[in-house]
PDB file of N, CA and C in Angstrom:
ATOM      1  N   MET A   1     -14.775   2.428  -0.354  1.00  0.00           N
ATOM      2  CA  MET A   1     -13.455   2.773  -0.842  1.00  0.00           C
ATOM      3  C   MET A   1     -12.768   3.538   0.222  1.00  0.00           C
ATOM      4  N   ILE A   2     -11.407   3.187   0.443  1.00  0.00           N
ATOM      5  CA  ILE A   2     -10.593   3.940   1.385  1.00  0.00           C
ATOM      6  C   ILE A   2      -9.380   4.410   0.593  1.00  0.00           C
ATOM      7  N   GLY A   3      -9.002   5.615   0.827  1.00  0.00           N
ATOM      8  CA  GLY A   3      -7.797   6.260   0.276  1.00  0.00           C
ATOM      9  C   GLY A   3      -6.878   6.697   1.336  1.00  0.00           C
ATOM     10  N   ILE A   4      -5.546   6.397   1.045  1.00  0.00           N
ATOM     11  CA  ILE A   4      -4.522   6.691   2.040  1.00  0.00           C
ATOM     12  C   ILE A   4      -3.480   7.547   1.257  1.00  0.00           C
ATOM     13  N   ILE A   5      -3.057   8.635   1.888  1.00  0.00           N
ATOM     14  CA  ILE A   5      -1.973   9.384   1.334  1.00  0.00           C
ATOM     15  C   ILE A   5      -0.782   9.222   2.196  1.00  0.00           C
ATOM     16  N   PHE A   6       0.389   8.940   1.500  1.00  0.00           N
ATOM     17  CA  PHE A   6       1.671   8.684   2.157  1.00  0.00           C
ATOM     18  C   PHE A   6       2.621   9.737   1.611  1.00  0.00           C
ATOM     19  N   GLN A   7       3.630  10.035   2.481  1.00  0.00           N
ATOM     20  CA  GLN A   7       4.750  10.845   2.191  1.00  0.00           C
ATOM     21  C   GLN A   7       5.955   9.962   2.163  1.00  0.00           C
ATOM     22  N   PHE A   8       6.725   9.964   1.081  1.00  0.00           N
ATOM     23  CA  PHE A   8       7.932   9.174   0.932  1.00  0.00           C
ATOM     24  C   PHE A   8       9.044  10.107   0.469  1.00  0.00           C
ATOM     25  N   GLY A   9       9.782  10.735   1.359  1.00  0.00           N
ATOM     26  CA  GLY A   9      10.821  11.747   1.024  1.00  0.00           C
ATOM     27  C   GLY A   9       9.983  12.952   0.583  1.00  0.00           C
ATOM     28  N   SER A  10      10.225  13.441  -0.625  1.00  0.00           N
ATOM     29  CA  SER A  10       9.515  14.604  -1.100  1.00  0.00           C
ATOM     30  C   SER A  10       8.291  14.171  -2.058  1.00  0.00           C
ATOM     31  N   GLU A  11       8.099  12.841  -2.167  1.00  0.00           N
ATOM     32  CA  GLU A  11       7.071  12.368  -3.073  1.00  0.00           C
ATOM     33  C   GLU A  11       5.828  12.052  -2.273  1.00  0.00           C
ATOM     34  N   VAL A  12       4.681  12.292  -2.884  1.00  0.00           N
ATOM     35  CA  VAL A  12       3.398  11.967  -2.359  1.00  0.00           C
ATOM     36  C   VAL A  12       2.869  10.735  -3.078  1.00  0.00           C
ATOM     37  N   ILE A  13       2.339   9.756  -2.363  1.00  0.00           N
ATOM     38  CA  ILE A  13       1.818   8.565  -2.863  1.00  0.00           C
ATOM     39  C   ILE A  13       0.455   8.350  -2.416  1.00  0.00           C
ATOM     40  N   GLU A  14      -0.487   8.069  -3.269  1.00  0.00           N
ATOM     41  CA  GLU A  14      -1.883   7.816  -2.874  1.00  0.00           C
ATOM     42  C   GLU A  14      -2.149   6.338  -3.141  1.00  0.00           C
ATOM     43  N   VAL A  15      -2.812   5.711  -2.206  1.00  0.00           N
ATOM     44  CA  VAL A  15      -3.245   4.339  -2.288  1.00  0.00           C
ATOM     45  C   VAL A  15      -4.757   4.275  -2.174  1.00  0.00           C
ATOM     46  N   ARG A  16      -5.422   3.636  -3.054  1.00  0.00           N
ATOM     47  CA  ARG A  16      -6.893   3.507  -2.926  1.00  0.00           C
ATOM     48  C   ARG A  16      -7.190   1.971  -2.872  1.00  0.00           C
ATOM     49  N   ILE A  17      -8.132   1.649  -1.899  1.00  0.00           N
ATOM     50  CA  ILE A  17      -8.521   0.258  -1.751  1.00  0.00           C
ATOM     51  C   ILE A  17      -9.930   0.128  -2.030  1.00  0.00           C
ATOM     52  N   LYS A  18     -10.313  -0.668  -2.955  1.00  0.00           N
ATOM     53  CA  LYS A  18     -11.729  -0.842  -3.258  1.00  0.00           C
ATOM     54  C   LYS A  18     -11.873  -2.432  -3.336  1.00  0.00           C
ATOM     55  N   ASP A  19     -12.767  -2.905  -2.502  1.00  0.00           N
ATOM     56  CA  ASP A  19     -12.910  -4.323  -2.343  1.00  0.00           C
ATOM     57  C   ASP A  19     -11.554  -4.936  -1.915  1.00  0.00           C
ATOM     58  N   SER A  20     -10.957  -5.823  -2.682  1.00  0.00           N
ATOM     59  CA  SER A  20      -9.672  -6.337  -2.248  1.00  0.00           C
ATOM     60  C   SER A  20      -8.668  -5.882  -3.295  1.00  0.00           C
ATOM     61  N   THR A  21      -8.937  -4.897  -4.063  1.00  0.00           N
ATOM     62  CA  THR A  21      -7.862  -4.411  -5.143  1.00  0.00           C
ATOM     63  C   THR A  21      -7.284  -3.097  -4.601  1.00  0.00           C
ATOM     64  N   CYS A  22      -6.039  -3.066  -4.746  1.00  0.00           N
ATOM     65  CA  CYS A  22      -5.305  -1.886  -4.230  1.00  0.00           C
ATOM     66  C   CYS A  22      -4.725  -1.124  -5.494  1.00  0.00           C
ATOM     67  N   PHE A  23      -4.984   0.187  -5.518  1.00  0.00           N
ATOM     68  CA  PHE A  23      -4.480   1.043  -6.612  1.00  0.00           C
ATOM     69  C   PHE A  23      -3.539   2.070  -6.033  1.00  0.00           C
ATOM     70  N   PHE A  24      -2.462   2.313  -6.835  1.00  0.00           N
ATOM     71  CA  PHE A  24      -1.406   3.146  -6.419  1.00  0.00           C
ATOM     72  C   PHE A  24      -1.226   4.334  -7.452  1.00  0.00           C
ATOM     73  N   ARG A  25      -0.863   5.550  -6.892  1.00  0.00           N
ATOM     74  CA  ARG A  25      -0.607   6.718  -7.749  1.00  0.00           C
ATOM     75  C   ARG A  25       0.392   7.600  -7.052  1.00  0.00           C
ATOM     76  N   THR A  26       1.424   8.029  -7.827  1.00  0.00           N
ATOM     77  CA  THR A  26       2.262   9.025  -7.295  1.00  0.00           C
ATOM     78  C   THR A  26       1.854  10.433  -7.612  1.00  0.00           C
ATOM     79  N   SER A  27       2.436  11.475  -7.061  1.00  0.00           N
ATOM     80  CA  SER A  27       2.134  12.860  -7.336  1.00  0.00           C
ATOM     81  C   SER A  27       2.507  13.224  -8.773  1.00  0.00           C
ATOM     82  N   GLN A  28       3.363  12.393  -9.412  1.00  0.00           N
ATOM     83  CA  GLN A  28       3.728  12.829 -10.755  1.00  0.00           C
ATOM     84  C   GLN A  28       2.685  12.314 -11.859  1.00  0.00           C
ATOM     85  N   PHE A  29       1.957  11.245 -11.508  1.00  0.00           N
ATOM     86  CA  PHE A  29       1.069  10.668 -12.532  1.00  0.00           C
ATOM     87  C   PHE A  29      -0.334  10.926 -12.149  1.00  0.00           C
ATOM     88  N   GLN A  30      -1.222  10.920 -13.133  1.00  0.00           N
ATOM     89  CA  GLN A  30      -2.672  11.172 -13.001  1.00  0.00           C
ATOM     90  C   GLN A  30      -3.372   9.865 -12.863  1.00  0.00           C
ATOM     91  N   ASN A  31      -2.981   8.759 -13.472  1.00  0.00           N
ATOM     92  CA  ASN A  31      -3.639   7.489 -13.461  1.00  0.00           C
ATOM     93  C   ASN A  31      -3.221   6.669 -12.339  1.00  0.00           C
ATOM     94  N   TYR A  32      -4.096   5.836 -11.865  1.00  0.00           N
ATOM     95  CA  TYR A  32      -3.902   4.811 -10.886  1.00  0.00           C
ATOM     96  C   TYR A  32      -3.399   3.560 -11.550  1.00  0.00           C
ATOM     97  N   ALA A  33      -2.543   2.751 -10.824  1.00  0.00           N
ATOM     98  CA  ALA A  33      -2.099   1.505 -11.333  1.00  0.00           C
ATOM     99  C   ALA A  33      -2.319   0.434 -10.198  1.00  0.00           C
ATOM    100  N   THR A  34      -2.549  -0.773 -10.618  1.00  0.00           N
ATOM    101  CA  THR A  34      -2.610  -1.866  -9.630  1.00  0.00           C
ATOM    102  C   THR A  34      -1.149  -2.261  -9.357  1.00  0.00           C
ATOM    103  N   ILE A  35      -0.902  -3.095  -8.361  1.00  0.00           N
ATOM    104  CA  ILE A  35       0.386  -3.613  -8.060  1.00  0.00           C
ATOM    105  C   ILE A  35       1.170  -4.199  -9.307  1.00  0.00           C
ATOM    106  N   ASP A  36       0.333  -4.715 -10.246  1.00  0.00           N
ATOM    107  CA  ASP A  36       0.886  -5.319 -11.452  1.00  0.00           C
ATOM    108  C   ASP A  36       1.764  -4.377 -12.202  1.00  0.00           C
ATOM    109  N   GLY A  37       1.319  -3.111 -12.230  1.00  0.00           N
ATOM    110  CA  GLY A  37       1.844  -1.998 -13.052  1.00  0.00           C
ATOM    111  C   GLY A  37       3.063  -1.318 -12.256  1.00  0.00           C
ATOM    112  N   LEU A  38       3.256  -1.617 -11.083  1.00  0.00           N
ATOM    113  CA  LEU A  38       4.361  -0.907 -10.329  1.00  0.00           C
ATOM    114  C   LEU A  38       5.728  -1.502 -10.651  1.00  0.00           C
ATOM    115  N   LYS A  39       6.669  -0.581 -10.463  1.00  0.00           N
ATOM    116  CA  LYS A  39       8.162  -1.061 -10.532  1.00  0.00           C
ATOM    117  C   LYS A  39       8.429  -1.384  -9.119  1.00  0.00           C
ATOM    118  N   LEU A  40       8.790  -2.671  -8.859  1.00  0.00           N
ATOM    119  CA  LEU A  40       9.129  -3.152  -7.559  1.00  0.00           C
ATOM    120  C   LEU A  40      10.619  -3.167  -7.302  1.00  0.00           C
ATOM    121  N   ASP A  41      11.054  -2.794  -6.049  1.00  0.00           N
ATOM    122  CA  ASP A  41      12.453  -2.849  -5.782  1.00  0.00           C
ATOM    123  C   ASP A  41      12.712  -4.250  -5.182  1.00  0.00           C
ATOM    124  N   LYS A  42      13.753  -4.955  -5.908  1.00  0.00           N
ATOM    125  CA  LYS A  42      14.067  -6.302  -5.552  1.00  0.00           C
ATOM    126  C   LYS A  42      14.498  -6.417  -4.120  1.00  0.00           C
ATOM    127  N   LEU A  43      15.336  -5.395  -3.621  1.00  0.00           N
ATOM    128  CA  LEU A  43      15.911  -5.437  -2.273  1.00  0.00           C
ATOM    129  C   LEU A  43      14.726  -5.297  -1.242  1.00  0.00           C
ATOM    130  N   GLY A  44      13.712  -4.471  -1.619  1.00  0.00           N
ATOM    131  CA  GLY A  44      12.534  -4.344  -0.709  1.00  0.00           C
ATOM    132  C   GLY A  44      11.723  -5.656  -0.643  1.00  0.00           C
ATOM    133  N   VAL A  45      11.568  -6.276  -1.828  1.00  0.00           N
ATOM    134  CA  VAL A  45      10.910  -7.600  -1.930  1.00  0.00           C
ATOM    135  C   VAL A  45      11.591  -8.639  -1.132  1.00  0.00           C
ATOM    136  N   ILE A  46      12.906  -8.667  -1.232  1.00  0.00           N
ATOM    137  CA  ILE A  46      13.718  -9.588  -0.530  1.00  0.00           C
ATOM    138  C   ILE A  46      13.575  -9.371   1.014  1.00  0.00           C
ATOM    139  N   LYS A  47      13.548  -8.121   1.346  1.00  0.00           N
ATOM    140  CA  LYS A  47      13.486  -7.772   2.865  1.00  0.00           C
ATOM    141  C   LYS A  47      12.112  -8.354   3.396  1.00  0.00           C
ATOM    142  N   GLU A  48      11.121  -8.339   2.526  1.00  0.00           N
ATOM    143  CA  GLU A  48       9.775  -8.827   3.008  1.00  0.00           C
ATOM    144  C   GLU A  48       9.694 -10.341   2.875  1.00  0.00           C
ATOM    145  N   PHE A  49      10.264 -10.879   1.774  1.00  0.00           N
ATOM    146  CA  PHE A  49      10.242 -12.302   1.521  1.00  0.00           C
ATOM    147  C   PHE A  49      11.641 -12.815   1.182  1.00  0.00           C
ATOM    148  N   PRO A  50      12.379 -13.041   2.234  1.00  0.00           N
ATOM    149  CA  PRO A  50      13.801 -13.529   2.081  1.00  0.00           C
ATOM    150  C   PRO A  50      13.875 -14.782   1.115  1.00  0.00           C
ATOM    151  N   ASP A  51      12.917 -15.562   1.142  1.00  0.00           N
ATOM    152  CA  ASP A  51      12.935 -16.830   0.348  1.00  0.00           C
ATOM    153  C   ASP A  51      12.914 -16.567  -1.174  1.00  0.00           C
ATOM    154  N   LEU A  52      12.666 -15.348  -1.594  1.00  0.00           N
ATOM    155  CA  LEU A  52      12.670 -15.024  -3.023  1.00  0.00           C
ATOM    156  C   LEU A  52      14.022 -14.565  -3.534  1.00  0.00           C
ATOM    157  N   LYS A  53      15.002 -14.502  -2.671  1.00  0.00           N
ATOM    158  CA  LYS A  53      16.305 -13.977  -3.057  1.00  0.00           C
ATOM    159  C   LYS A  53      16.873 -14.487  -4.287  1.00  0.00           C
ATOM    160  N   ASP A  54      16.895 -15.838  -4.447  1.00  0.00           N
ATOM    161  CA  ASP A  54      17.465 -16.431  -5.698  1.00  0.00           C
ATOM    162  C   ASP A  54      16.462 -17.010  -6.671  1.00  0.00           C
ATOM    163  N   ASN A  55      15.217 -16.469  -6.505  1.00  0.00           N
ATOM    164  CA  ASN A  55      14.102 -16.973  -7.325  1.00  0.00           C
ATOM    165  C   ASN A  55      13.975 -15.920  -8.516  1.00  0.00           C
ATOM    166  N   SER A  56      13.943 -16.454  -9.778  1.00  0.00           N
ATOM    167  CA  SER A  56      13.973 -15.610 -10.985  1.00  0.00           C
ATOM    168  C   SER A  56      12.549 -15.031 -11.126  1.00  0.00           C
ATOM    169  N   ASP A  57      11.534 -15.658 -10.518  1.00  0.00           N
ATOM    170  CA  ASP A  57      10.186 -15.179 -10.633  1.00  0.00           C
ATOM    171  C   ASP A  57       9.808 -14.311  -9.410  1.00  0.00           C
ATOM    172  N   TRP A  58      10.721 -13.680  -8.765  1.00  0.00           N
ATOM    173  CA  TRP A  58      10.578 -12.932  -7.478  1.00  0.00           C
ATOM    174  C   TRP A  58       9.378 -11.930  -7.632  1.00  0.00           C
ATOM    175  N   ARG A  59       9.323 -11.236  -8.719  1.00  0.00           N
ATOM    176  CA  ARG A  59       8.349 -10.170  -8.924  1.00  0.00           C
ATOM    177  C   ARG A  59       6.944 -10.745  -8.930  1.00  0.00           C
ATOM    178  N   LYS A  60       6.780 -11.749  -9.820  1.00  0.00           N
ATOM    179  CA  LYS A  60       5.441 -12.445  -9.961  1.00  0.00           C
ATOM    180  C   LYS A  60       4.963 -13.042  -8.662  1.00  0.00           C
ATOM    181  N   ILE A  61       5.821 -13.709  -7.970  1.00  0.00           N
ATOM    182  CA  ILE A  61       5.501 -14.394  -6.758  1.00  0.00           C
ATOM    183  C   ILE A  61       5.069 -13.321  -5.613  1.00  0.00           C
ATOM    184  N   SER A  62       5.889 -12.260  -5.514  1.00  0.00           N
ATOM    185  CA  SER A  62       5.571 -11.261  -4.520  1.00  0.00           C
ATOM    186  C   SER A  62       4.250 -10.589  -4.824  1.00  0.00           C
ATOM    187  N   ILE A  63       3.931 -10.385  -6.024  1.00  0.00           N
ATOM    188  CA  ILE A  63       2.641  -9.766  -6.395  1.00  0.00           C
ATOM    189  C   ILE A  63       1.500 -10.677  -6.042  1.00  0.00           C
ATOM    190  N   GLU A  64       1.719 -11.939  -6.377  1.00  0.00           N
ATOM    191  CA  GLU A  64       0.665 -12.962  -5.929  1.00  0.00           C
ATOM    192  C   GLU A  64       0.392 -13.048  -4.405  1.00  0.00           C
ATOM    193  N   ARG A  65       1.486 -12.959  -3.724  1.00  0.00           N
ATOM    194  CA  ARG A  65       1.387 -13.000  -2.201  1.00  0.00           C
ATOM    195  C   ARG A  65       0.636 -11.777  -1.739  1.00  0.00           C
ATOM    196  N   PHE A  66       0.969 -10.590  -2.271  1.00  0.00           N
ATOM    197  CA  PHE A  66       0.235  -9.441  -1.837  1.00  0.00           C
ATOM    198  C   PHE A  66      -1.238  -9.531  -2.145  1.00  0.00           C
ATOM    199  N   LYS A  67      -1.603  -9.895  -3.346  1.00  0.00           N
ATOM    200  CA  LYS A  67      -2.966 -10.003  -3.807  1.00  0.00           C
ATOM    201  C   LYS A  67      -3.671 -11.105  -2.794  1.00  0.00           C
ATOM    202  N   LYS A  68      -3.117 -12.234  -2.541  1.00  0.00           N
ATOM    203  CA  LYS A  68      -3.664 -13.247  -1.662  1.00  0.00           C
ATOM    204  C   LYS A  68      -3.902 -12.653  -0.316  1.00  0.00           C
ATOM    205  N   LYS A  69      -2.882 -11.905   0.262  1.00  0.00           N
ATOM    206  CA  LYS A  69      -2.990 -11.341   1.644  1.00  0.00           C
ATOM    207  C   LYS A  69      -4.274 -10.351   1.610  1.00  0.00           C
ATOM    208  N   MET A  70      -4.313  -9.516   0.574  1.00  0.00           N
ATOM    209  CA  MET A  70      -5.498  -8.623   0.457  1.00  0.00           C
ATOM    210  C   MET A  70      -6.849  -9.249   0.507  1.00  0.00           C
ATOM    211  N   LYS A  71      -6.895 -10.382  -0.281  1.00  0.00           N
ATOM    212  CA  LYS A  71      -8.193 -11.105  -0.303  1.00  0.00           C
ATOM    213  C   LYS A  71      -8.464 -11.762   0.955  1.00  0.00           C
ATOM    214  N   GLU A  72      -7.413 -12.207   1.802  1.00  0.00           N
ATOM    215  CA  GLU A  72      -7.652 -12.886   3.035  1.00  0.00           C
ATOM    216  C   GLU A  72      -8.205 -11.925   4.061  1.00  0.00           C
ATOM    217  N   LEU A  73      -7.934 -10.639   4.004  1.00  0.00           N
ATOM    218  CA  LEU A  73      -8.488  -9.649   4.895  1.00  0.00           C
ATOM    219  C   LEU A  73      -9.860  -9.316   4.554  1.00  0.00           C
ATOM    220  N   LYS A  74     -10.740  -9.341   5.517  1.00  0.00           N
ATOM    221  CA  LYS A  74     -12.199  -9.302   5.272  1.00  0.00           C
ATOM    222  C   LYS A  74     -12.761  -7.915   4.849  1.00  0.00           C
ATOM    223  N   THR A  75     -12.260  -6.852   5.498  1.00  0.00           N
ATOM    224  CA  THR A  75     -12.830  -5.551   5.307  1.00  0.00           C
ATOM    225  C   THR A  75     -11.819  -4.629   4.713  1.00  0.00           C
ATOM    226  N   GLU A  76     -12.266  -3.564   4.135  1.00  0.00           N
ATOM    227  CA  GLU A  76     -11.373  -2.488   3.605  1.00  0.00           C
ATOM    228  C   GLU A  76     -10.582  -1.861   4.698  1.00  0.00           C
ATOM    229  N   LYS A  77     -11.156  -1.756   5.941  1.00  0.00           N
ATOM    230  CA  LYS A  77     -10.382  -1.256   7.054  1.00  0.00           C
ATOM    231  C   LYS A  77      -9.201  -2.086   7.438  1.00  0.00           C
ATOM    232  N   GLU A  78      -9.386  -3.420   7.469  1.00  0.00           N
ATOM    233  CA  GLU A  78      -8.241  -4.359   7.701  1.00  0.00           C
ATOM    234  C   GLU A  78      -7.244  -4.208   6.618  1.00  0.00           C
ATOM    235  N   GLN A  79      -7.713  -4.116   5.350  1.00  0.00           N
ATOM    236  CA  GLN A  79      -6.799  -3.958   4.238  1.00  0.00           C
ATOM    237  C   GLN A  79      -6.006  -2.665   4.318  1.00  0.00           C
ATOM    238  N   ALA A  80      -6.654  -1.591   4.680  1.00  0.00           N
ATOM    239  CA  ALA A  80      -5.940  -0.221   4.820  1.00  0.00           C
ATOM    240  C   ALA A  80      -4.935  -0.352   5.996  1.00  0.00           C
ATOM    241  N   SER A  81      -5.237  -0.994   7.120  1.00  0.00           N
ATOM    242  CA  SER A  81      -4.425  -1.159   8.168  1.00  0.00           C
ATOM    243  C   SER A  81      -3.098  -1.883   7.787  1.00  0.00           C
ATOM    244  N   TYR A  82      -3.275  -3.011   7.009  1.00  0.00           N
ATOM    245  CA  TYR A  82      -2.211  -3.806   6.545  1.00  0.00           C
ATOM    246  C   TYR A  82      -1.301  -3.027   5.565  1.00  0.00           C
ATOM    247  N   VAL A  83      -1.923  -2.208   4.667  1.00  0.00           N
ATOM    248  CA  VAL A  83      -1.054  -1.442   3.846  1.00  0.00           C
ATOM    249  C   VAL A  83      -0.322  -0.392   4.520  1.00  0.00           C
ATOM    250  N   ILE A  84      -0.903   0.264   5.466  1.00  0.00           N
ATOM    251  CA  ILE A  84      -0.256   1.340   6.276  1.00  0.00           C
ATOM    252  C   ILE A  84       0.890   0.625   7.045  1.00  0.00           C
ATOM    253  N   GLU A  85       0.705  -0.446   7.677  1.00  0.00           N
ATOM    254  CA  GLU A  85       1.717  -1.181   8.390  1.00  0.00           C
ATOM    255  C   GLU A  85       2.770  -1.621   7.539  1.00  0.00           C
ATOM    256  N   ASP A  86       2.489  -2.209   6.375  1.00  0.00           N
ATOM    257  CA  ASP A  86       3.467  -2.664   5.410  1.00  0.00           C
ATOM    258  C   ASP A  86       4.328  -1.549   4.856  1.00  0.00           C
ATOM    259  N   LEU A  87       3.756  -0.538   4.331  1.00  0.00           N
ATOM    260  CA  LEU A  87       4.504   0.597   3.706  1.00  0.00           C
ATOM    261  C   LEU A  87       5.247   1.339   4.803  1.00  0.00           C
ATOM    262  N   SER A  88       4.776   1.393   5.950  1.00  0.00           N
ATOM    263  CA  SER A  88       5.556   2.142   7.060  1.00  0.00           C
ATOM    264  C   SER A  88       6.863   1.518   7.370  1.00  0.00           C
ATOM    265  N   LYS A  89       6.996   0.247   7.206  1.00  0.00           N
ATOM    266  CA  LYS A  89       8.205  -0.520   7.346  1.00  0.00           C
ATOM    267  C   LYS A  89       9.327  -0.070   6.490  1.00  0.00           C
ATOM    268  N   PHE A  90       8.898   0.480   5.245  1.00  0.00           N
ATOM    269  CA  PHE A  90       9.752   0.854   4.232  1.00  0.00           C
ATOM    270  C   PHE A  90      10.055   2.328   4.121  1.00  0.00           C
ATOM    271  N   GLY A  91       9.540   3.066   5.213  1.00  0.00           N
ATOM    272  CA  GLY A  91       9.786   4.517   5.209  1.00  0.00           C
ATOM    273  C   GLY A  91       8.626   5.370   4.697  1.00  0.00           C
ATOM    274  N   TYR A  92       7.511   4.802   4.245  1.00  0.00           N
ATOM    275  CA  TYR A  92       6.428   5.588   3.817  1.00  0.00           C
ATOM    276  C   TYR A  92       5.655   6.033   5.078  1.00  0.00           C
ATOM    277  N   VAL A  93       5.371   7.360   5.095  1.00  0.00           N
ATOM    278  CA  VAL A  93       4.664   7.904   6.345  1.00  0.00           C
ATOM    279  C   VAL A  93       3.164   8.219   5.928  1.00  0.00           C
ATOM    280  N   PRO A  94       2.281   7.589   6.590  1.00  0.00           N
ATOM    281  CA  PRO A  94       0.904   7.842   6.294  1.00  0.00           C
ATOM    282  C   PRO A  94       0.459   9.222   6.798  1.00  0.00           C
ATOM    283  N   LYS A  95      -0.160  10.042   5.899  1.00  0.00           N
ATOM    284  CA  LYS A  95      -0.539  11.358   6.378  1.00  0.00           C
ATOM    285  C   LYS A  95      -2.099  11.619   6.434  1.00  0.00           C
ATOM    286  N   TYR A  96      -2.772  11.032   5.466  1.00  0.00           N
ATOM    287  CA  TYR A  96      -4.210  11.227   5.454  1.00  0.00           C
ATOM    288  C   TYR A  96      -4.940  10.006   5.102  1.00  0.00           C
ATOM    289  N   LEU A  97      -6.165   9.879   5.593  1.00  0.00           N
ATOM    290  CA  LEU A  97      -7.038   8.733   5.307  1.00  0.00           C
ATOM    291  C   LEU A  97      -8.361   9.271   4.866  1.00  0.00           C
ATOM    292  N   GLN A  98      -8.961   8.737   3.780  1.00  0.00           N
ATOM    293  CA  GLN A  98     -10.193   9.141   3.329  1.00  0.00           C
ATOM    294  C   GLN A  98     -11.134   8.011   3.126  1.00  0.00           C
ATOM    295  N   ARG A  99     -12.327   8.071   3.621  1.00  0.00           N
ATOM    296  CA  ARG A  99     -13.260   6.926   3.500  1.00  0.00           C
ATOM    297  C   ARG A  99     -14.436   7.380   2.659  1.00  0.00           C
ATOM    298  N   GLU A 100     -14.795   6.477   1.768  1.00  0.00           N
ATOM    299  CA  GLU A 100     -16.014   6.687   0.898  1.00  0.00           C
ATOM    300  C   GLU A 100     -16.170   8.114   0.361  1.00  0.00           C
ATOM    301  N   GLY A 101     -15.094   8.768  -0.050  1.00  0.00           N
ATOM    302  CA  GLY A 101     -15.266  10.039  -0.576  1.00  0.00           C
ATOM    303  C   GLY A 101     -15.443  11.168   0.417  1.00  0.00           C
ATOM    304  N   HIS A 102     -15.399  10.925   1.679  1.00  0.00           N
ATOM    305  CA  HIS A 102     -15.617  11.898   2.700  1.00  0.00           C
ATOM    306  C   HIS A 102     -14.291  12.680   2.818  1.00  0.00           C
ATOM    307  N   ARG A 103     -14.359  13.740   3.706  1.00  0.00           N
ATOM    308  CA  ARG A 103     -13.216  14.461   3.864  1.00  0.00           C
ATOM    309  C   ARG A 103     -12.002  13.702   4.461  1.00  0.00           C
ATOM    310  N   PRO A 104     -10.771  13.988   3.913  1.00  0.00           N
ATOM    311  CA  PRO A 104      -9.583  13.314   4.460  1.00  0.00           C
ATOM    312  C   PRO A 104      -9.414  13.603   5.951  1.00  0.00           C
ATOM    313  N   VAL A 105      -8.957  12.667   6.700  1.00  0.00           N
ATOM    314  CA  VAL A 105      -8.657  12.812   8.153  1.00  0.00           C
ATOM    315  C   VAL A 105      -7.150  12.717   8.281  1.00  0.00           C
ATOM    316  N   ARG A 106      -6.542  13.642   9.010  1.00  0.00           N
ATOM    317  CA  ARG A 106      -5.086  13.660   9.146  1.00  0.00           C
ATOM    318  C   ARG A 106      -4.706  12.396  10.185  1.00  0.00           C
ATOM    319  N   LEU A 107      -3.702  11.732   9.838  1.00  0.00           N
ATOM    320  CA  LEU A 107      -3.169  10.606  10.707  1.00  0.00           C
ATOM    321  C   LEU A 107      -2.094  11.240  11.464  1.00  0.00           C
ATOM    322  N   TRP A 108      -2.099  11.191  12.759  1.00  0.00           N
ATOM    323  CA  TRP A 108      -1.083  11.893  13.589  1.00  0.00           C
ATOM    324  C   TRP A 108      -0.002  10.915  13.932  1.00  0.00           C
ATOM    325  N   ASN A 109       1.196  11.307  13.832  1.00  0.00           N
ATOM    326  CA  ASN A 109       2.393  10.553  14.004  1.00  0.00           C
ATOM    327  C   ASN A 109       2.493   9.231  13.251  1.00  0.00           C
ATOM    328  N   GLY A 110       1.793   9.237  12.022  1.00  0.00           N
ATOM    329  CA  GLY A 110       1.665   8.096  11.170  1.00  0.00           C
ATOM    330  C   GLY A 110       0.996   6.937  11.749  1.00  0.00           C
ATOM    331  N   LYS A 111       0.145   7.183  12.758  1.00  0.00           N
ATOM    332  CA  LYS A 111      -0.627   6.111  13.430  1.00  0.00           C
ATOM    333  C   LYS A 111      -1.983   6.047  12.741  1.00  0.00           C
ATOM    334  N   PRO A 112      -2.399   4.856  12.401  1.00  0.00           N
ATOM    335  CA  PRO A 112      -3.750   4.591  11.754  1.00  0.00           C
ATOM    336  C   PRO A 112      -4.857   4.606  12.816  1.00  0.00           C
ATOM    337  N   SER A 113      -4.799   5.498  13.778  1.00  0.00           N
ATOM    338  CA  SER A 113      -5.748   5.455  14.846  1.00  0.00           C
ATOM    339  C   SER A 113      -7.176   5.838  14.347  1.00  0.00           C
ATOM    340  N   SER A 114      -7.231   6.600  13.257  1.00  0.00           N
ATOM    341  CA  SER A 114      -8.678   6.963  12.772  1.00  0.00           C
ATOM    342  C   SER A 114      -9.303   5.768  12.089  1.00  0.00           C
ATOM    343  N   LEU A 115      -8.662   4.687  11.911  1.00  0.00           N
ATOM    344  CA  LEU A 115      -9.364   3.520  11.334  1.00  0.00           C
ATOM    345  C   LEU A 115     -10.277   2.827  12.241  1.00  0.00           C
ATOM    346  N   GLN A 116     -10.068   3.066  13.483  1.00  0.00           N
ATOM    347  CA  GLN A 116     -10.846   2.404  14.505  1.00  0.00           C
ATOM    348  C   GLN A 116     -12.434   2.709  14.429  1.00  0.00           C
TER     349      GLN A 116
END
């Protein structure tokens, strides 16, 4: 399992990756949610998937694409790199990375260099 802590404005977001499932939690909530339980921003989804602009099932399709992409990546390291890269495009700054319950490692300048 890999955990990644992001800063988004004044909010702290934690992402945990176990196998090919991604769990999310904000600093306000104690429980983790899968992507199915998240409130997605339509403009952010359209920025990532412009073809969903006029599709009424944009939320469902974008979630399916995310899950498919996570399953295509072979290791949790690859999945973590993908999540860091993807969320960074939207202003999320990766701060810490934690593997298998070990001590969190600080990520400098938002770079996932400690994934290597």
